Amino acid sequence: MAFMEKPPAGKVLLDDTVPLTAAIEASQSLQSHTEYIIRVQRGISVENSWQIVRRYSDFDLLNNSLQIAGLSLPLPPKKLIGNMDREFIAERQKGLQNYLNVITTNHILSNCELVKKFLDPNNYSANYTEIALQQVSMFFRSEPKWEVVEPLKDIGWRIRKKYFLMKIKNQPKERLVLSWADLGPDKYLSDKDFQCLIKLLPSCLHPYIYRVTFATANESSALLIRMFNEKGTLKDLIYKAKPKDPFLKKYCNPKKIQGLELQQIKTYGRQILEVLKFLHDKGFPYGHLHSSNVMLDGDTCRLLDLENSLLGLPSFYRSYFSQFRKINTLESVDVHCFGHLLYEMTYGRPPDSVPVDSFPPAPSMAVVAVLESTLSCEACKNGMPTVSRLLQMPLFSDVLLTTSEKPQFKIPTKLKEALRIAKECIEKRLIEEQKQIHQHRRLTRAQSHHGSEEERKKRKILARKKSKRSALENSEEHSAKYSNSNNSAGSGASSPLTSPSSPTPPSTSGISALPPPPPPLPPPAAPLPPASTEAPAQLSSQAVNGVSRGALLSSIQNFQKGTLRKAETCDHSAPKIG
């Protein structure tokens, strides 16, 4: 029965749980108002970003719509006079940026349709309630026994999943709930296997699974009908909320925060763990545990929305466990989500952040032990325990279950294999996303570290030292080259002592036998140098053309005039008279 159209080819299945961040880049003043240019980014990829232009009136309209949440949001106040002043616009821009930071970091607000449409109008412009109503109306053309009583507007957190209060025409007093959901990004089953598994859900019988009355699907979406429970979900019990109220009103700002009693925590926790173990043993992927997906039936918890994993819908807590690479299987995802659920049952509210560094006082230390094994820094870093391990812990091991209903859920072998492959594909996408987040986080930390003032100072000091060391090395290299050049030139000048162009100095060994010719008389004006004990040493240590100065001085001092031979001269200077 094809009651819904097949999605168009190339349709992009967005992961609505990927956080959006928004930064105001600039503002521009027009004639009577100011526009703010906002850069919105999906996830960690800078390429996946776009610009939107918003006025203050747009912020004000969004804020009025979010008042249903009961939160005090920091929207800057209105100003009628002086609202075009440059200083005022700059101050208002800071206030609007703070407002955007608050709504994009709040887990519930950031996932609501109002905020998504404000930040990403291209992908969230459709009226999903109207689309769902059209599809449901087409279904009722061939199923006339059902009748829509009223839409249950915004009772869930998912944008593309809508609910309607139903009744059977021949049983007007019974109330049922119809849920319609579009496909998600983790839909890896073939169309045929997907439809077969959806239609198999009403046959699933388990004391802790909420029974499906009717289920059908086509290539693009699924439709399921269950009995309406006036008491609501486990989250309604914790928050003292009415099931028919909008999600934002029920859970964003609870008036009274109070956890459950210890016995309730033990009983509900044990029942939820039992059904998780049953699904894991059957090879049925779940991954969607949170307190809104646990229906209360008296003192019994019953799990909801088994169809979510078949549709490929992302988990409510995906933005949490995608940060931790050790939470990379659907079994470990279920255990981590159970930690969130147990925290909410214990303290009456979700944790402020994950991982949790320290836990407030609890009704029992056994509760804290389970929370530490699923939400602490060590657990998120090293990995989750198994469901069987949690069942053995003191908090749950002594709980007696009195149900006599025998679980039944027969899945054909062929469909089991299809589920196994789909489960592996879901986990593969999660692992790839975790890897990208991890790499982005490392890069961000490195950039932040290198951009710090302390690091900049260190780099300047190192640069100076390197520059000085380089200059010193260059100087030494230049000196070495210059020294080598001088040595080669000096050796060439001193070598030709025996060359013909250099006179050979007289030998001092034959002075007494062959006295040298008389030296010229010293000029009378030249005084003798004063006597010094250092002079001979200095003179003897120096050489002139290879001859010791000391030997030359000794020859001069020992010169005796009497030893000279008389010379016979022929004077031809007289004039001749002829």
Protein backbone atom coordinates (compact mmCIF):
# COMPACT_ATOMS: atom_id res chain seq x y z
CA MET A 1 0.00 0.00 0.00
CA ALA A 2 1.78 3.10 -1.25
CA PHE A 3 0.12 5.89 0.70
CA MET A 4 3.11 8.23 0.48
CA GLU A 5 5.19 9.40 -2.44
CA LYS A 6 8.73 8.21 -2.95
CA PRO A 7 11.33 10.85 -2.07
CA PRO A 8 12.78 12.66 -5.07
CA ALA A 9 16.10 11.44 -6.42
CA GLY A 10 19.06 13.14 -4.78
CA LYS A 11 17.13 14.20 -1.69
CA VAL A 12 19.52 15.21 1.07
CA LEU A 13 18.73 13.51 4.38
CA LEU A 14 20.00 15.95 6.99
CA ASP A 15 21.13 14.90 10.44
CA ASP A 16 19.02 17.29 12.51
CA THR A 17 21.10 16.60 15.63
CA VAL A 18 24.26 18.19 14.17
CA PRO A 19 24.66 21.45 16.11
CA LEU A 20 24.36 24.83 14.41
CA THR A 21 26.61 27.69 15.48
CA ALA A 22 25.98 31.34 14.65
CA ALA A 23 28.30 34.36 14.65
CA ILE A 24 27.30 37.93 13.79
CA GLU A 25 29.88 39.12 11.25
CA ALA A 26 28.66 42.68 10.62
CA SER A 27 25.74 45.06 10.80
CA GLN A 28 24.37 47.51 8.25
CA SER A 29 22.09 50.45 8.92
CA LEU A 30 19.29 51.15 6.50
CA GLN A 31 16.81 54.05 6.60
CA SER A 32 14.85 53.05 9.68
CA HIS A 33 16.38 49.81 10.95
CA THR A 34 19.58 47.82 11.32
CA GLU A 35 20.28 44.45 9.73
CA TYR A 36 22.71 41.93 11.20
CA ILE A 37 24.68 39.63 8.90
CA ILE A 38 25.06 36.24 10.59
CA ARG A 39 27.36 33.39 9.60
CA VAL A 40 25.74 30.03 10.44
CA GLN A 41 27.73 26.80 10.38
CA ARG A 42 26.54 23.20 10.59
CA GLY A 43 28.93 21.00 12.53
CA ILE A 44 32.70 21.43 12.34
CA SER A 45 33.13 22.02 8.61
CA VAL A 46 33.75 25.65 7.66
CA GLU A 47 32.65 24.80 4.10
CA ASN A 48 29.20 23.88 5.43
CA SER A 49 28.26 27.46 6.35
CA TRP A 50 26.03 30.20 4.98
CA GLN A 51 24.96 33.79 5.65
CA ILE A 52 21.57 35.00 6.84
CA VAL A 53 20.36 38.55 7.45
CA ARG A 54 18.17 39.24 10.47
CA ARG A 55 16.66 42.37 12.03
CA TYR A 56 16.08 42.92 15.69
CA SER A 57 12.37 42.35 15.08
CA ASP A 58 13.20 38.82 13.83
CA PHE A 59 15.06 38.11 17.08
CA ASP A 60 12.14 39.51 19.04
CA LEU A 61 9.66 37.30 17.19
CA LEU A 62 11.77 34.20 17.83
CA ASN A 63 12.12 35.10 21.48
CA ASN A 64 8.35 35.49 21.88
CA SER A 65 7.85 32.03 20.34
CA LEU A 66 10.40 30.52 22.72
CA GLN A 67 8.65 31.94 25.78
CA ILE A 68 6.70 28.69 25.94
CA ALA A 69 9.89 27.10 27.26
CA GLY A 70 9.64 29.22 30.42
CA LEU A 71 13.29 30.26 30.23
CA SER A 72 14.68 33.73 30.84
CA LEU A 73 16.60 34.32 27.63
CA PRO A 74 19.06 37.28 27.40
CA LEU A 75 17.56 39.17 24.46
CA PRO A 76 18.66 42.85 24.58
CA PRO A 77 15.72 45.17 25.37
CA LYS A 78 14.00 47.34 22.80
CA LYS A 79 14.92 51.00 22.35
CA LEU A 80 12.81 53.49 20.43
CA ILE A 81 15.03 56.60 20.58
CA GLY A 82 18.71 56.54 19.63
CA ASN A 83 18.57 53.05 18.21
CA MET A 84 20.56 54.09 15.13
CA ASP A 85 23.57 55.39 17.08
CA ARG A 86 26.79 53.62 16.22
CA GLU A 87 27.72 52.86 19.83
CA PHE A 88 24.24 51.50 20.55
CA ILE A 89 24.31 49.24 17.48
CA ALA A 90 27.72 47.84 18.52
CA GLU A 91 26.46 47.19 22.04
CA ARG A 92 23.26 45.56 20.77
CA GLN A 93 25.28 43.35 18.43
CA LYS A 94 27.19 41.98 21.43
CA GLY A 95 23.92 41.31 23.23
CA LEU A 96 22.41 39.52 20.22
CA GLN A 97 25.55 37.39 19.87
CA ASN A 98 25.21 36.33 23.50
CA TYR A 99 21.56 35.48 22.84
CA LEU A 100 22.55 33.27 19.89
CA ASN A 101 25.19 31.54 22.00
CA VAL A 102 22.61 30.67 24.68
CA ILE A 103 20.01 29.16 22.35
CA THR A 104 22.54 27.21 20.25
CA THR A 105 24.20 25.62 23.29
CA ASN A 106 20.94 24.62 25.00
CA HIS A 107 20.38 20.96 24.05
CA ILE A 108 16.58 21.19 23.78
CA LEU A 109 16.33 24.67 22.23
CA SER A 110 19.02 24.02 19.64
CA ASN A 111 17.07 21.01 18.31
CA CYS A 112 13.64 22.66 18.19
CA GLU A 113 12.02 23.62 14.91
CA LEU A 114 11.75 27.34 15.77
CA VAL A 115 15.52 27.77 16.15
CA LYS A 116 16.30 25.60 13.12
CA LYS A 117 14.01 27.70 10.90
CA PHE A 118 15.53 30.93 12.20
CA LEU A 119 19.11 29.83 11.47
CA ASP A 120 18.60 27.57 8.45
CA PRO A 121 15.48 28.66 6.52
CA ASN A 122 16.52 26.85 3.33
CA ASN A 123 16.42 23.39 4.91
CA TYR A 124 13.62 23.95 7.43
CA SER A 125 11.07 26.01 5.56
CA ALA A 126 8.53 23.19 5.07
CA ASN A 127 5.39 22.77 7.21
CA TYR A 128 6.04 19.26 8.51
CA THR A 129 2.73 19.01 10.36
CA GLU A 130 0.86 19.75 7.13
CA ILE A 131 2.96 17.23 5.20
CA ALA A 132 2.31 14.54 7.81
CA LEU A 133 -1.43 15.27 7.81
CA GLN A 134 -1.56 14.93 4.02
CA GLN A 135 0.23 11.58 4.14
CA VAL A 136 -1.98 10.28 6.95
CA SER A 137 -5.13 11.38 5.08
CA MET A 138 -3.99 9.42 2.04
CA PHE A 139 -3.56 6.37 4.23
CA PHE A 140 -7.09 6.64 5.65
CA ARG A 141 -8.60 6.51 2.16
CA SER A 142 -7.97 2.77 2.17
CA GLU A 143 -8.33 2.28 5.96
CA PRO A 144 -11.70 3.82 6.81
CA LYS A 145 -11.93 2.36 10.34
CA TRP A 146 -9.43 4.96 11.70
CA GLU A 147 -10.27 8.57 12.40
CA VAL A 148 -8.08 11.52 13.40
CA VAL A 149 -9.28 13.26 16.57
CA GLU A 150 -6.66 16.03 16.73
CA PRO A 151 -3.00 16.68 16.02
CA LEU A 152 -0.76 16.44 19.10
CA LYS A 153 1.29 19.48 18.18
CA ASP A 154 4.98 19.49 19.11
CA ILE A 155 4.73 16.85 21.85
CA GLY A 156 8.01 15.34 20.63
CA TRP A 157 11.42 16.86 19.96
CA ARG A 158 11.90 15.59 16.42
CA ILE A 159 11.19 18.06 13.61
CA ARG A 160 10.25 15.41 11.05
CA LYS A 161 8.15 13.20 13.33
CA LYS A 162 4.53 14.18 14.03
CA TYR A 163 1.81 12.75 16.28
CA PHE A 164 -1.99 12.56 16.01
CA LEU A 165 -4.60 11.47 18.51
CA MET A 166 -6.70 8.71 16.89
CA LYS A 167 -9.79 6.61 17.49
CA ILE A 168 -11.41 3.55 15.95
CA LYS A 169 -14.85 4.35 14.56
CA ASN A 170 -16.57 1.35 16.13
CA GLN A 171 -14.73 1.90 19.44
CA PRO A 172 -15.07 5.67 19.98
CA LYS A 173 -13.95 5.64 23.62
CA GLU A 174 -10.51 4.18 22.94
CA ARG A 175 -7.74 6.64 22.22
CA LEU A 176 -4.68 5.82 20.18
CA VAL A 177 -1.60 7.72 19.02
CA LEU A 178 -0.41 7.73 15.44
CA SER A 179 3.21 8.68 14.75
CA TRP A 180 4.47 9.56 11.29
CA ALA A 181 8.18 9.98 10.56
CA ASP A 182 10.30 10.75 7.53
CA LEU A 183 13.54 8.94 6.71
CA GLY A 184 16.80 9.90 8.39
CA PRO A 185 20.48 9.91 7.32
CA ASP A 186 21.14 6.43 8.81
CA LYS A 187 18.60 4.56 6.67
CA TYR A 188 20.70 1.78 5.10
CA LEU A 189 18.05 -0.92 4.66
CA SER A 190 16.72 -1.64 1.19
CA ASP A 191 13.16 -0.43 0.60
CA LYS A 192 11.84 -3.98 0.62
CA ASP A 193 13.62 -5.01 3.85
CA PHE A 194 12.66 -1.71 5.47
CA GLN A 195 8.95 -2.21 4.81
CA CYS A 196 9.06 -5.85 5.91
CA LEU A 197 10.74 -4.99 9.22
CA ILE A 198 8.33 -2.12 9.94
CA LYS A 199 5.36 -4.43 9.39
CA LEU A 200 7.03 -7.00 11.66
CA LEU A 201 6.97 -4.68 14.71
CA PRO A 202 3.37 -5.46 15.82
CA SER A 203 4.47 -9.09 16.28
CA CYS A 204 7.08 -8.08 18.88
CA LEU A 205 5.84 -9.12 22.34
CA HIS A 206 7.90 -8.26 25.40
CA PRO A 207 6.86 -7.22 28.92
CA TYR A 208 9.07 -4.12 28.66
CA ILE A 209 8.30 -3.06 25.07
CA TYR A 210 5.24 -0.91 24.37
CA ARG A 211 3.01 -2.80 21.97
CA VAL A 212 2.55 -1.56 18.39
CA THR A 213 -1.07 -1.88 17.22
CA PHE A 214 -0.47 -1.20 13.53
CA ALA A 215 2.57 -0.36 11.36
CA THR A 216 3.19 0.25 7.68
CA ALA A 217 5.78 2.02 5.54
CA ASN A 218 6.81 2.92 2.04
CA GLU A 219 10.12 4.06 0.51
CA SER A 220 10.10 7.47 2.23
CA SER A 221 8.46 7.19 5.67
CA ALA A 222 6.64 5.03 8.19
CA LEU A 223 3.36 5.21 10.08
CA LEU A 224 2.71 3.44 13.41
CA ILE A 225 -0.28 3.36 15.79
CA ARG A 226 -0.10 2.62 19.53
CA MET A 227 -2.50 2.94 22.45
CA PHE A 228 -2.56 6.38 24.08
CA ASN A 229 -1.37 6.36 27.70
CA GLU A 230 -2.85 9.08 29.91
CA LYS A 231 0.03 8.83 32.39
CA GLY A 232 2.59 9.62 29.74
CA THR A 233 6.25 8.72 29.67
CA LEU A 234 8.91 8.32 32.33
CA LYS A 235 10.04 11.88 31.57
CA ASP A 236 6.49 13.12 32.26
CA LEU A 237 6.65 11.41 35.66
CA ILE A 238 10.02 12.97 36.52
CA TYR A 239 9.01 16.48 35.38
CA LYS A 240 5.38 16.29 36.63
CA ALA A 241 4.25 17.17 33.07
CA LYS A 242 1.10 16.60 31.04
CA PRO A 243 1.67 14.27 28.06
CA LYS A 244 -0.23 16.44 25.55
CA ASP A 245 1.75 19.63 26.27
CA PRO A 246 4.47 20.78 23.83
CA PHE A 247 7.96 19.41 24.40
CA LEU A 248 9.47 22.84 25.16
CA LYS A 249 6.83 23.61 27.77
CA LYS A 250 7.13 20.24 29.49
CA TYR A 251 10.86 19.78 29.79
CA CYS A 252 12.86 22.98 29.19
CA ASN A 253 12.43 24.57 32.61
CA PRO A 254 10.79 22.23 35.15
CA LYS A 255 9.13 24.01 38.07
CA LYS A 256 10.12 21.37 40.59
CA ILE A 257 13.30 19.33 40.28
CA GLN A 258 13.01 16.09 42.21
CA GLY A 259 14.41 12.65 41.47
CA LEU A 260 12.62 9.34 41.92
CA GLU A 261 12.76 7.14 44.98
CA LEU A 262 15.53 4.56 45.21
CA GLN A 263 13.22 1.60 44.70
CA GLN A 264 11.76 3.16 41.57
CA ILE A 265 15.28 3.80 40.24
CA LYS A 266 16.26 0.19 40.85
CA THR A 267 13.08 -1.32 39.36
CA TYR A 268 12.84 0.90 36.29
CA GLY A 269 16.56 0.62 35.64
CA ARG A 270 16.47 -3.18 35.81
CA GLN A 271 13.48 -3.39 33.46
CA ILE A 272 15.12 -1.11 30.89
CA LEU A 273 18.38 -3.07 31.00
CA GLU A 274 16.48 -6.33 30.49
CA VAL A 275 14.81 -5.10 27.30
CA LEU A 276 18.10 -3.68 26.00
CA LYS A 277 19.75 -7.07 26.51
CA PHE A 278 16.84 -8.74 24.69
CA LEU A 279 17.24 -6.45 21.65
CA HIS A 280 21.03 -6.87 21.60
CA ASP A 281 20.68 -10.65 21.69
CA LYS A 282 18.24 -10.47 18.78
CA GLY A 283 20.65 -8.35 16.76
CA PHE A 284 18.08 -5.55 16.58
CA PRO A 285 19.76 -2.10 16.58
CA TYR A 286 18.19 0.45 18.93
CA GLY A 287 20.32 3.45 19.97
CA HIS A 288 17.39 5.70 20.96
CA LEU A 289 17.08 5.33 24.71
CA HIS A 290 15.99 8.42 26.67
CA SER A 291 13.28 9.08 29.23
CA SER A 292 10.73 10.25 26.63
CA ASN A 293 11.04 6.88 24.89
CA VAL A 294 10.04 4.94 28.01
CA MET A 295 6.31 4.60 28.55
CA LEU A 296 4.96 4.07 32.08
CA ASP A 297 2.29 1.43 32.56
CA GLY A 298 1.67 1.28 36.29
CA ASP A 299 5.01 0.24 37.85
CA THR A 300 6.29 -1.12 34.56
CA CYS A 301 8.53 0.60 32.04
CA ARG A 302 7.97 -0.18 28.36
CA LEU A 303 10.34 0.88 25.59
CA LEU A 304 9.08 3.00 22.66
CA ASP A 305 10.12 3.83 19.10
CA LEU A 306 11.88 0.69 17.92
CA GLU A 307 11.20 1.94 14.40
CA ASN A 308 13.63 4.86 14.75
CA SER A 309 16.71 2.79 13.94
CA LEU A 310 14.97 1.26 10.90
CA LEU A 311 14.07 4.74 9.63
CA GLY A 312 17.67 5.85 10.13
CA LEU A 313 16.85 8.63 12.58
CA PRO A 314 19.72 10.07 14.66
CA SER A 315 19.72 9.70 18.44
CA PHE A 316 18.59 12.39 20.90
CA TYR A 317 22.02 12.21 22.60
CA ARG A 318 24.09 11.97 19.42
CA SER A 319 25.80 15.33 19.95
CA TYR A 320 27.08 13.95 23.29
CA PHE A 321 28.44 10.50 22.40
CA SER A 322 29.82 11.63 19.02
CA GLN A 323 32.54 13.40 21.05
CA PHE A 324 33.94 10.12 22.42
CA ARG A 325 35.61 7.67 20.05
CA LYS A 326 35.22 4.70 22.41
CA ILE A 327 31.41 4.92 22.19
CA ASN A 328 31.31 3.56 18.65
CA THR A 329 28.77 0.69 18.67
CA LEU A 330 25.00 0.81 19.12
CA GLU A 331 25.38 -1.38 22.22
CA SER A 332 27.77 1.13 23.81
CA VAL A 333 25.47 3.96 22.69
CA ASP A 334 22.56 2.31 24.54
CA VAL A 335 24.68 1.96 27.69
CA HIS A 336 25.81 5.60 27.56
CA CYS A 337 22.22 6.77 27.01
CA PHE A 338 21.18 4.61 29.97
CA GLY A 339 23.64 6.66 32.05
CA HIS A 340 21.82 9.85 31.00
CA LEU A 341 18.48 8.24 31.89
CA LEU A 342 19.71 7.05 35.29
CA TYR A 343 21.09 10.52 36.07
CA GLU A 344 17.70 12.06 35.22
CA MET A 345 15.84 9.53 37.39
CA THR A 346 18.24 10.19 40.29
CA TYR A 347 18.49 13.99 40.25
CA GLY A 348 15.32 15.03 38.41
CA ARG A 349 17.19 16.77 35.59
CA PRO A 350 19.78 15.92 32.90
CA PRO A 351 23.50 16.48 33.53
CA ASP A 352 24.78 19.98 32.77
CA SER A 353 27.58 18.56 30.64
CA VAL A 354 29.16 15.23 29.76
CA PRO A 355 31.50 13.80 30.91
CA VAL A 356 30.53 14.43 34.52
CA ASP A 357 33.47 15.28 36.79
CA SER A 358 31.66 14.80 40.11
CA PHE A 359 28.19 13.57 41.05
CA PRO A 360 25.90 15.21 43.62
CA PRO A 361 24.82 13.17 46.66
CA ALA A 362 22.60 10.26 45.58
CA PRO A 363 20.14 8.00 47.47
CA SER A 364 22.76 5.23 47.33
CA MET A 365 26.43 4.87 46.50
CA ALA A 366 25.39 2.00 44.24
CA VAL A 367 23.69 4.58 41.99
CA VAL A 368 26.87 6.66 41.80
CA ALA A 369 28.87 3.55 40.88
CA VAL A 370 26.67 2.94 37.82
CA LEU A 371 26.77 6.63 36.86
CA GLU A 372 30.57 6.65 37.08
CA SER A 373 30.76 3.60 34.81
CA THR A 374 28.70 5.34 32.08
CA LEU A 375 29.14 9.14 32.36
CA SER A 376 32.52 9.83 34.02
CA CYS A 377 35.62 11.06 32.18
CA GLU A 378 37.29 7.68 32.59
CA ALA A 379 34.27 5.81 31.21
CA CYS A 380 33.92 8.08 28.18
CA LYS A 381 37.65 7.80 27.50
CA ASN A 382 38.03 4.04 27.98
CA GLY A 383 34.63 2.76 26.84
CA MET A 384 31.26 1.61 28.18
CA PRO A 385 30.51 -1.57 30.17
CA THR A 386 28.16 -4.14 28.66
CA VAL A 387 24.49 -4.39 29.59
CA SER A 388 25.23 -7.76 31.24
CA ARG A 389 27.89 -6.06 33.39
CA LEU A 390 25.41 -3.40 34.52
CA LEU A 391 22.85 -6.07 35.42
CA GLN A 392 25.44 -7.66 37.73
CA MET A 393 26.13 -4.42 39.62
CA PRO A 394 24.68 -4.14 43.19
CA LEU A 395 22.08 -1.54 42.19
CA PHE A 396 20.20 -3.99 39.95
CA SER A 397 21.37 -7.50 40.84
CA ASP A 398 18.89 -7.95 43.73
CA VAL A 399 15.79 -6.60 41.89
CA LEU A 400 13.07 -9.26 41.48
CA LEU A 401 11.00 -9.11 38.29
CA THR A 402 7.52 -10.62 38.63
CA THR A 403 6.36 -10.61 35.02
CA SER A 404 5.21 -13.88 33.49
CA GLU A 405 4.92 -12.69 29.88
CA LYS A 406 7.23 -14.57 27.56
CA PRO A 407 9.17 -12.42 25.06
CA GLN A 408 8.50 -13.10 21.37
CA PHE A 409 10.11 -11.45 18.38
CA LYS A 410 10.81 -13.71 15.42
CA ILE A 411 13.00 -12.12 12.77
CA PRO A 412 13.65 -14.15 9.57
CA THR A 413 17.30 -15.00 8.89
CA LYS A 414 17.40 -12.86 5.75
CA LEU A 415 16.17 -9.81 7.65
CA LYS A 416 18.63 -10.50 10.48
CA GLU A 417 21.46 -10.28 7.96
CA ALA A 418 20.01 -7.03 6.57
CA LEU A 419 19.85 -5.64 10.12
CA ARG A 420 23.46 -6.62 10.77
CA ILE A 421 24.68 -4.84 7.64
CA ALA A 422 22.56 -1.74 8.41
CA LYS A 423 23.90 -1.69 11.97
CA GLU A 424 27.49 -1.80 10.70
CA CYS A 425 26.77 1.09 8.33
CA ILE A 426 25.26 3.18 11.14
CA GLU A 427 28.32 2.53 13.30
CA LYS A 428 30.67 3.30 10.41
CA ARG A 429 29.09 6.73 9.89
CA LEU A 430 29.36 7.39 13.63
CA ILE A 431 33.04 6.39 13.71
CA GLU A 432 33.83 8.63 10.74
CA GLU A 433 32.06 11.57 12.37
CA GLN A 434 33.92 10.96 15.65
CA LYS A 435 37.23 10.87 13.77
CA GLN A 436 36.52 14.22 12.11
CA ILE A 437 35.49 15.80 15.41
CA HIS A 438 38.64 14.45 17.09
CA GLN A 439 40.89 15.85 14.35
CA HIS A 440 39.10 19.21 14.44
CA ARG A 441 39.48 19.36 18.22
CA ARG A 442 43.22 18.64 18.01
CA LEU A 443 43.68 21.30 15.34
CA THR A 444 41.68 23.83 17.35
CA ARG A 445 43.75 23.14 20.48
CA ALA A 446 46.99 23.49 18.52
CA GLN A 447 45.88 26.78 16.99
CA SER A 448 44.75 28.09 20.35
CA HIS A 449 48.05 27.04 21.94
CA HIS A 450 50.19 28.65 19.24
CA GLY A 451 48.04 31.76 19.28
CA SER A 452 48.44 32.36 23.03
CA GLU A 453 50.48 35.33 24.29
CA GLU A 454 52.93 33.08 26.12
CA GLU A 455 53.62 31.02 23.00
CA ARG A 456 54.12 34.14 20.90
CA LYS A 457 56.74 35.39 23.39
CA LYS A 458 58.50 32.02 23.33
CA ARG A 459 58.57 32.03 19.54
CA LYS A 460 60.04 35.57 19.50
CA ILE A 461 62.81 34.56 21.93
CA LEU A 462 63.61 31.45 19.93
CA ALA A 463 63.66 33.48 16.73
CA ARG A 464 66.15 35.93 18.25
CA LYS A 465 68.40 33.12 19.47
CA LYS A 466 68.25 31.44 16.10
CA SER A 467 69.06 34.72 14.35
CA LYS A 468 72.07 35.35 16.64
CA ARG A 469 73.32 31.80 16.22
CA SER A 470 72.99 32.07 12.45
CA ALA A 471 74.84 35.42 12.41
CA LEU A 472 77.65 33.96 14.57
CA GLU A 473 78.01 30.93 12.34
CA ASN A 474 78.15 33.15 9.25
CA SER A 475 80.80 35.33 10.91
CA GLU A 476 82.96 32.33 11.85
CA GLU A 477 82.63 30.92 8.35
CA HIS A 478 83.68 34.26 6.86
CA SER A 479 86.68 34.50 9.22
CA ALA A 480 87.79 30.98 8.34
CA LYS A 481 87.59 31.75 4.64
CA TYR A 482 89.59 35.01 5.12
CA SER A 483 92.26 33.23 7.22
CA ASN A 484 92.70 30.50 4.64
CA SER A 485 93.07 33.17 1.94
CA ASN A 486 95.81 35.00 3.91
CA ASN A 487 97.71 31.80 4.68
CA SER A 488 97.87 30.86 1.02
CA ALA A 489 99.07 34.35 0.09
CA GLY A 490 101.73 34.43 2.89
CA SER A 491 103.22 31.06 2.01
CA GLY A 492 103.68 32.23 -1.58
CA ALA A 493 105.58 35.39 -0.45
CA SER A 494 107.95 33.73 2.04
CA SER A 495 109.00 30.76 -0.05
CA PRO A 496 111.44 32.36 -2.53
CA LEU A 497 114.32 32.85 -0.02
CA THR A 498 116.70 31.20 -2.45
CA SER A 499 115.32 32.81 -5.54
CA PRO A 500 117.71 34.77 -7.76
CA SER A 501 115.90 38.00 -7.11
CA SER A 502 116.54 37.81 -3.37
CA PRO A 503 120.11 38.59 -2.11
CA THR A 504 121.73 35.88 -0.03
CA PRO A 505 122.65 37.19 3.42
CA PRO A 506 126.33 36.86 4.47
CA SER A 507 127.16 34.04 6.81
CA THR A 508 128.14 35.01 10.38
CA SER A 509 130.31 31.93 10.92
CA GLY A 510 133.43 33.38 9.16
CA ILE A 511 133.50 36.80 10.67
CA SER A 512 136.82 36.42 12.58
CA ALA A 513 138.69 34.90 9.62
CA LEU A 514 137.34 37.16 6.98
CA PRO A 515 136.20 40.38 8.50
CA PRO A 516 133.45 42.04 6.64
CA PRO A 517 133.92 45.36 4.92
CA PRO A 518 133.57 48.36 7.17
CA PRO A 519 130.02 49.42 7.62
CA PRO A 520 129.11 53.04 7.14
CA LEU A 521 129.46 55.22 10.16
CA PRO A 522 126.23 55.83 11.99
CA PRO A 523 124.83 59.29 11.85
CA PRO A 524 125.97 61.34 14.83
CA ALA A 525 122.50 62.49 15.73
CA ALA A 526 121.15 58.99 16.36
CA PRO A 527 121.39 58.21 20.12
CA LEU A 528 121.87 54.68 21.34
CA PRO A 529 118.76 53.00 22.78
CA PRO A 530 118.65 52.62 26.54
CA ALA A 531 119.88 49.35 27.95
CA SER A 532 117.17 46.83 28.55
CA THR A 533 117.19 43.25 29.59
CA GLU A 534 114.27 42.55 27.30
CA ALA A 535 115.88 44.06 24.18
CA PRO A 536 118.24 41.16 23.36
CA ALA A 537 115.46 38.70 23.85
CA GLN A 538 113.15 40.69 21.68
CA LEU A 539 115.83 41.21 19.03
CA SER A 540 116.90 37.60 19.08
CA SER A 541 113.36 36.50 18.59
CA GLN A 542 112.99 38.48 15.38
CA ALA A 543 114.58 37.84 11.99
CA VAL A 544 115.38 40.10 9.07
CA ASN A 545 115.67 38.28 5.74
CA GLY A 546 116.38 35.05 7.58
CA VAL A 547 119.44 36.49 9.64
CA SER A 548 119.21 36.93 13.40
CA ARG A 549 119.21 40.51 14.60
CA GLY A 550 121.30 39.45 17.61
CA ALA A 551 124.16 38.23 15.36
CA LEU A 552 124.21 41.47 13.39
CA LEU A 553 124.30 43.55 16.57
CA SER A 554 127.14 41.44 17.96
CA SER A 555 129.20 41.95 14.79
CA ILE A 556 128.77 45.68 15.07
CA GLN A 557 129.72 45.81 18.76
CA ASN A 558 132.89 43.66 18.27
CA PHE A 559 134.21 45.77 15.37
CA GLN A 560 137.86 47.02 15.94
CA LYS A 561 139.39 49.69 13.80
CA GLY A 562 142.97 48.40 14.27
CA THR A 563 142.30 45.21 12.45
CA LEU A 564 141.71 47.06 9.24
CA ARG A 565 144.54 46.92 6.61
CA LYS A 566 146.01 50.12 5.30
CA ALA A 567 144.87 50.84 1.82
CA GLU A 568 147.16 52.23 -0.90
CA THR A 569 145.51 54.82 -3.02
CA CYS A 570 146.55 56.46 -6.27
CA ASP A 571 145.28 59.95 -6.30
CA HIS A 572 144.73 61.07 -9.86
CA SER A 573 142.77 64.12 -8.89
CA ALA A 574 145.75 66.57 -9.23
CA PRO A 575 145.90 68.46 -12.55
CA LYS A 576 148.48 67.41 -15.08
CA ILE A 577 150.83 70.11 -16.46
CA GLY A 578 152.15 69.18 -19.79
